[in-house]
Protein backbone atom coordinates (compact mmCIF):
# COMPACT_ATOMS: atom_id res chain seq x y z
CA MET A 1 300.02 211.73 -67.39
CA GLN A 2 297.49 209.35 -68.91
CA ASN A 3 294.45 210.69 -70.75
CA LEU A 4 291.06 210.09 -69.20
CA ASN A 5 288.11 209.14 -71.38
CA ILE A 6 285.12 211.04 -70.03
CA LEU A 7 281.52 210.31 -71.02
CA ILE A 8 278.96 213.07 -70.39
CA PRO A 9 275.30 212.24 -71.10
CA LEU A 10 273.36 215.39 -72.01
CA ASP A 11 269.69 216.21 -72.38
CA PHE A 12 270.66 219.88 -72.95
CA SER A 13 269.08 221.01 -69.69
CA SER A 14 270.88 223.23 -67.19
CA VAL A 15 271.01 220.24 -64.85
CA SER A 16 272.87 218.03 -67.31
CA GLU A 17 275.25 220.89 -68.10
CA GLN A 18 276.45 220.77 -64.49
CA ALA A 19 278.81 218.07 -65.76
CA PHE A 20 280.73 220.69 -67.74
CA LEU A 21 281.82 222.38 -64.52
CA MET A 22 283.56 219.25 -63.28
CA ALA A 23 285.03 218.43 -66.70
CA ASP A 24 286.48 221.95 -66.91
CA LEU A 25 288.04 221.56 -63.47
CA LEU A 26 289.54 218.15 -64.22
CA ALA A 27 290.90 219.43 -67.54
CA LEU A 28 293.06 221.96 -65.67
CA LYS A 29 295.25 219.13 -64.36
CA ILE A 30 294.44 215.99 -66.38
CA PRO A 31 294.35 215.48 -70.19
CA LEU A 32 290.79 214.53 -71.13
CA ASN A 33 289.08 212.92 -74.12
CA ILE A 34 285.48 214.06 -73.74
CA HIS A 35 282.56 212.23 -75.34
CA LEU A 36 279.22 214.03 -75.22
CA LEU A 37 276.23 211.73 -75.57
CA HIS A 38 272.67 212.75 -76.35
CA ILE A 39 270.08 209.98 -76.22
CA ILE A 40 266.79 210.20 -78.10
CA GLU A 41 264.70 208.02 -75.84
CA ALA A 42 262.76 205.14 -77.39
CA ASN A 43 261.61 201.75 -76.17
CA GLU A 44 262.91 198.40 -77.41
CA ALA A 45 260.05 197.94 -79.88
CA VAL A 46 260.92 201.20 -81.61
CA ILE A 47 264.61 200.32 -81.66
CA ALA A 48 263.85 196.96 -83.27
CA GLY A 49 261.77 198.67 -85.97
CA ASN A 50 258.59 196.82 -85.11
CA PRO A 51 256.42 197.28 -88.26
CA GLU A 52 253.24 197.30 -86.19
CA LEU A 53 254.44 200.45 -84.47
CA SER A 54 256.00 202.19 -87.46
CA GLU A 55 252.78 203.90 -88.51
CA SER A 56 252.25 205.33 -85.04
CA LEU A 57 255.76 206.75 -84.79
CA ASP A 58 256.21 210.45 -85.24
CA LEU A 59 259.31 210.35 -87.42
CA THR A 60 259.22 214.12 -87.77
CA ALA A 61 259.63 214.46 -84.01
CA PHE A 62 262.61 212.08 -84.05
CA GLN A 63 264.21 214.02 -86.89
CA LYS A 64 263.66 217.32 -85.08
CA LYS A 65 265.32 215.97 -81.92
CA GLU A 66 268.31 214.84 -83.95
CA LYS A 67 268.50 218.20 -85.72
CA ASP A 68 268.29 220.07 -82.39
CA ALA A 69 271.06 217.89 -80.95
CA LEU A 70 273.35 218.55 -83.91
CA ALA A 71 272.70 222.30 -83.61
CA TYR A 72 273.50 222.20 -79.89
CA PHE A 73 276.76 220.36 -80.48
CA GLU A 74 277.72 222.84 -83.22
CA ALA A 75 277.02 225.81 -80.94
CA LEU A 76 279.05 224.19 -78.19
CA LYS A 77 282.01 223.69 -80.51
CA ASN A 78 281.86 227.38 -81.42
CA THR A 79 282.61 228.19 -77.77
CA GLY A 80 285.98 226.48 -78.12
CA ARG A 81 285.19 223.21 -76.38
CA ASN A 82 286.86 220.06 -77.69
CA PHE A 83 284.74 216.91 -77.62
CA HIS A 84 283.42 213.99 -79.62
CA PRO A 85 279.63 214.31 -80.21
CA HIS A 86 277.38 211.24 -80.26
CA ILE A 87 273.65 210.74 -80.75
CA LYS A 88 272.05 207.41 -79.82
CA VAL A 89 268.47 206.13 -79.83
CA GLY A 90 267.21 203.85 -77.09
CA LEU A 91 266.70 203.51 -73.36
CA ILE A 92 268.78 206.00 -71.38
CA THR A 93 270.58 203.76 -68.90
CA SER A 94 271.31 200.98 -71.39
CA GLN A 95 272.61 203.45 -74.00
CA ILE A 96 274.92 205.08 -71.45
CA ASN A 97 276.19 201.63 -70.51
CA LEU A 98 276.79 200.69 -74.16
CA ALA A 99 278.47 204.02 -74.91
CA ALA A 100 280.78 203.68 -71.90
CA LYS A 101 281.98 200.36 -73.30
CA GLU A 102 282.20 201.60 -76.90
CA PHE A 103 284.29 204.64 -75.98
CA ASN A 104 286.29 202.83 -73.30
CA ALA A 105 285.21 205.47 -70.78
CA ASP A 106 287.06 205.80 -67.49
CA LEU A 107 284.42 208.00 -65.88
CA VAL A 108 280.82 209.09 -66.49
CA ILE A 109 279.93 212.62 -65.36
CA MET A 110 276.28 213.62 -65.19
CA GLY A 111 274.02 216.15 -63.52
CA THR A 112 270.97 214.96 -61.60
CA LYS A 113 267.89 216.47 -59.99
CA GLY A 114 267.82 213.54 -57.58
CA ALA A 115 264.67 211.89 -56.26
CA ASN A 116 262.77 211.87 -53.00
CA GLY A 117 260.31 209.82 -50.96
CA TRP A 118 258.43 206.95 -52.55
CA MET A 119 259.76 207.65 -56.04
CA GLU A 120 263.30 207.25 -54.74
CA ARG A 121 262.46 203.85 -53.25
CA ILE A 122 260.69 202.53 -56.34
CA SER A 123 262.42 204.03 -59.35
CA GLY A 124 264.95 206.61 -58.21
CA SER A 125 266.69 209.06 -60.49
CA GLU A 126 268.27 208.21 -63.83
CA ALA A 127 271.68 208.97 -62.35
CA GLN A 128 270.92 206.51 -59.56
CA HIS A 129 270.17 203.79 -62.12
CA VAL A 130 273.39 204.53 -63.99
CA ALA A 131 275.43 204.39 -60.78
CA ARG A 132 273.85 201.03 -59.95
CA HIS A 133 274.53 199.32 -63.26
CA LEU A 134 277.76 200.74 -64.67
CA ASN A 135 281.04 199.01 -63.91
CA ILE A 136 283.01 202.25 -64.10
CA PRO A 137 282.92 205.22 -61.69
CA VAL A 138 280.04 207.68 -62.04
CA LEU A 139 280.43 211.28 -60.90
CA THR A 140 277.13 213.05 -60.20
CA LEU A 141 276.35 216.67 -59.41
CA ARG A 142 273.08 218.15 -58.21
CA PRO A 143 271.93 221.66 -59.25
CA GLY A 144 274.00 224.32 -57.53
CA THR A 145 276.68 221.86 -56.42
CA PRO A 146 279.88 223.83 -55.75
CA VAL A 147 282.80 222.74 -57.91
CA SER A 148 286.09 223.98 -56.50
CA GLU A 149 289.75 223.08 -56.13
CA LEU A 150 289.91 219.40 -55.22
CA LYS A 151 292.11 219.70 -52.16
CA ASN A 152 290.18 217.32 -49.93
CA ILE A 153 288.69 214.07 -51.23
CA LEU A 154 286.47 212.01 -48.94
CA LEU A 155 286.55 208.23 -49.45
CA VAL A 156 283.81 206.39 -47.55
CA ASP A 157 283.94 202.60 -47.30
CA ASP A 158 284.05 199.73 -44.85
CA PHE A 159 287.64 199.14 -46.04
CA GLU A 160 287.28 195.38 -45.79
CA LEU A 161 287.96 194.81 -49.49
CA ILE A 162 291.53 195.57 -50.48
CA GLU A 163 291.44 194.54 -54.14
CA LYS A 164 293.45 196.90 -56.29
CA GLY A 165 292.13 198.13 -59.60
CA THR A 166 291.16 200.98 -61.86
CA GLN A 167 288.35 202.12 -59.57
CA ILE A 168 290.72 203.22 -56.80
CA ASP A 169 293.34 204.20 -59.39
CA LEU A 170 291.00 206.89 -60.74
CA ILE A 171 290.64 208.47 -57.30
CA LYS A 172 294.41 208.30 -56.82
CA LEU A 173 294.97 209.89 -60.24
CA ILE A 174 292.72 212.83 -59.35
CA ALA A 175 294.33 213.19 -55.93
CA ASP A 176 297.87 213.15 -57.35
CA ALA A 177 296.99 215.64 -60.10
CA PHE A 178 295.48 218.16 -57.68
CA GLY A 179 297.77 217.47 -54.73
CA SER A 180 294.72 216.35 -52.77
CA THR A 181 294.52 214.68 -49.39
CA ILE A 182 292.35 211.55 -49.39
CA HIS A 183 290.33 211.34 -46.19
CA LEU A 184 289.35 207.77 -45.35
CA LEU A 185 286.11 207.78 -43.40
CA GLN A 186 284.16 205.06 -41.68
CA ILE A 187 280.97 205.81 -39.81
CA LEU A 188 280.96 204.08 -36.43
CA LYS A 189 277.59 203.05 -35.09
CA GLU A 190 277.13 202.24 -31.40
CA VAL A 191 277.28 198.47 -31.95
CA ASP A 192 280.68 198.87 -33.65
CA GLU A 193 282.28 200.82 -30.79
CA PRO A 194 284.24 197.83 -29.37
CA TYR A 195 285.95 197.41 -32.75
CA ALA A 196 287.10 201.03 -33.21
CA ASP A 197 290.80 200.21 -32.96
CA ASP A 198 290.49 197.29 -35.39
CA ILE A 199 288.60 199.48 -37.86
CA LEU A 200 291.28 202.16 -37.70
CA ALA A 201 293.98 199.56 -38.29
CA GLN A 202 292.05 198.21 -41.30
CA MET A 203 291.84 201.72 -42.77
CA LYS A 204 295.59 202.20 -42.47
CA PHE A 205 296.16 198.78 -44.03
CA PHE A 206 293.86 199.78 -46.91
CA ALA A 207 295.90 202.97 -47.45
CA ASP A 208 299.17 201.03 -47.45
CA GLU A 209 297.88 198.40 -49.87
CA HIS A 210 296.69 201.06 -52.31
CA GLN A 211 299.83 203.17 -51.82
CA LEU A 212 297.96 206.36 -50.97
CA HIS A 213 300.48 209.20 -50.80
CA ARG A 214 298.55 211.81 -48.82
CA PHE A 215 295.79 210.50 -46.60
CA GLU A 216 294.13 210.88 -43.23
CA THR A 217 291.93 208.40 -41.38
CA HIS A 218 288.71 209.37 -39.65
CA ILE A 219 286.16 207.54 -37.53
CA TYR A 220 282.92 209.45 -37.10
CA ARG A 221 280.23 208.35 -34.69
CA ASP A 222 276.63 208.59 -35.83
CA LYS A 223 273.43 206.52 -35.80
CA LYS A 224 273.15 206.28 -39.60
CA VAL A 225 275.83 206.15 -42.27
CA GLU A 226 274.16 208.79 -44.48
CA ASP A 227 273.79 211.16 -41.51
CA GLY A 228 277.39 210.55 -40.50
CA ILE A 229 278.67 211.34 -43.99
CA ARG A 230 276.60 214.52 -44.17
CA ASN A 231 277.57 215.69 -40.69
CA PHE A 232 281.26 214.92 -41.18
CA ASN A 233 281.24 216.79 -44.47
CA LYS A 234 279.67 219.85 -42.82
CA GLU A 235 282.49 219.94 -40.31
CA ALA A 236 285.37 219.01 -42.62
CA GLN A 237 284.28 220.70 -45.88
CA MET A 238 285.29 218.07 -48.43
CA ASP A 239 285.51 219.01 -52.13
CA LEU A 240 284.63 215.57 -53.55
CA VAL A 241 282.93 212.56 -51.96
CA CYS A 242 283.70 209.00 -53.14
CA ILE A 243 281.78 205.94 -52.01
CA ARG A 244 281.61 202.34 -53.14
CA THR A 245 278.20 201.06 -54.16
CA HIS A 246 277.21 197.44 -53.54
CA ALA A 247 275.07 197.54 -56.71
CA ARG A 248 272.10 195.79 -55.12
CA LYS A 249 269.35 194.84 -57.53
CA GLY A 250 265.81 193.47 -57.51
CA ILE A 251 263.95 192.85 -54.26
CA ASN A 252 267.17 193.14 -52.25
CA HIS A 253 267.61 196.68 -53.53
CA LEU A 254 263.97 197.55 -52.82
CA LEU A 255 264.12 196.32 -49.24
CA PHE A 256 267.57 197.50 -48.21
CA GLY A 257 268.41 200.20 -50.70
CA SER A 258 271.94 201.41 -51.25
CA ILE A 259 273.63 204.12 -49.25
CA ALA A 260 275.65 205.18 -52.28
CA GLU A 261 272.54 205.50 -54.45
CA ARG A 262 270.71 207.53 -51.83
CA LEU A 263 273.67 209.88 -51.76
CA VAL A 264 273.38 210.28 -55.53
CA ASN A 265 269.96 211.78 -54.90
CA HIS A 266 270.86 213.92 -51.90
CA CYS A 267 274.58 214.68 -51.67
CA LEU A 268 275.33 218.40 -51.92
CA LYS A 269 278.93 217.78 -53.01
CA PRO A 270 280.27 216.24 -56.23
CA LEU A 271 279.92 212.49 -55.70
CA ILE A 272 281.78 209.56 -57.25
CA THR A 273 280.20 206.12 -56.86
CA PHE A 274 282.24 203.10 -57.85
CA HIS A 275 282.50 199.33 -57.55
CA ILE A 276 285.51 197.34 -56.38
CA LYS A 277 285.62 194.16 -58.42
């Protein structure tokens, strides 16, 4: 079985360490190369070494953060974990993006506190930003998220795009390794009711095109997609939720948002967001 390159951004909080739970579970069935990334946050002017700002910088604080990170990594290695440690300086989302490319990551795993209300609409959580901008799958976990045997994987989409690629391949790899059933789900709103049979046929076509070995198709009726996903999951008890993000940006993102990104902030199950190129 192929090795997976996993990138785990850490700020050494209990929230960020949620990612270890999923990495430990995946490692039971899949060989992993794990890269742990700690980012010492700094703006672009600091990164560029702007001489006008150099006198105002607290270099001692930067050095302490680096020292603390090295001590944390050393303590973690003493527990028997195998990983590649990395320390970067810069803006969080951009450094995660650069690291994912540098280490040829297949998946980013990160804990998140989520975001609510107005802050979610304007800025969102850091995990939400990462999910929006990265071109590889991002697996997020909220505090207290149960991580268990991955027997049932929920894949939510409109199933209109059938392009094959590494994004779906990752979900298939996990499913094959754990003997999981992939549950294809589309939320049916009232206006879509006349097309229920066509939607079901499209889902089966999607499964055939991607050569899914164990799958079930589901149509769930609800007024909103997010509510439908949550209510279906309560009834069906999925172990992992996967959803494609449209990666909206700018004013379009502000006005319409992204269902996948809102789930990053609110989903109570491990969540993979991904793009289909």
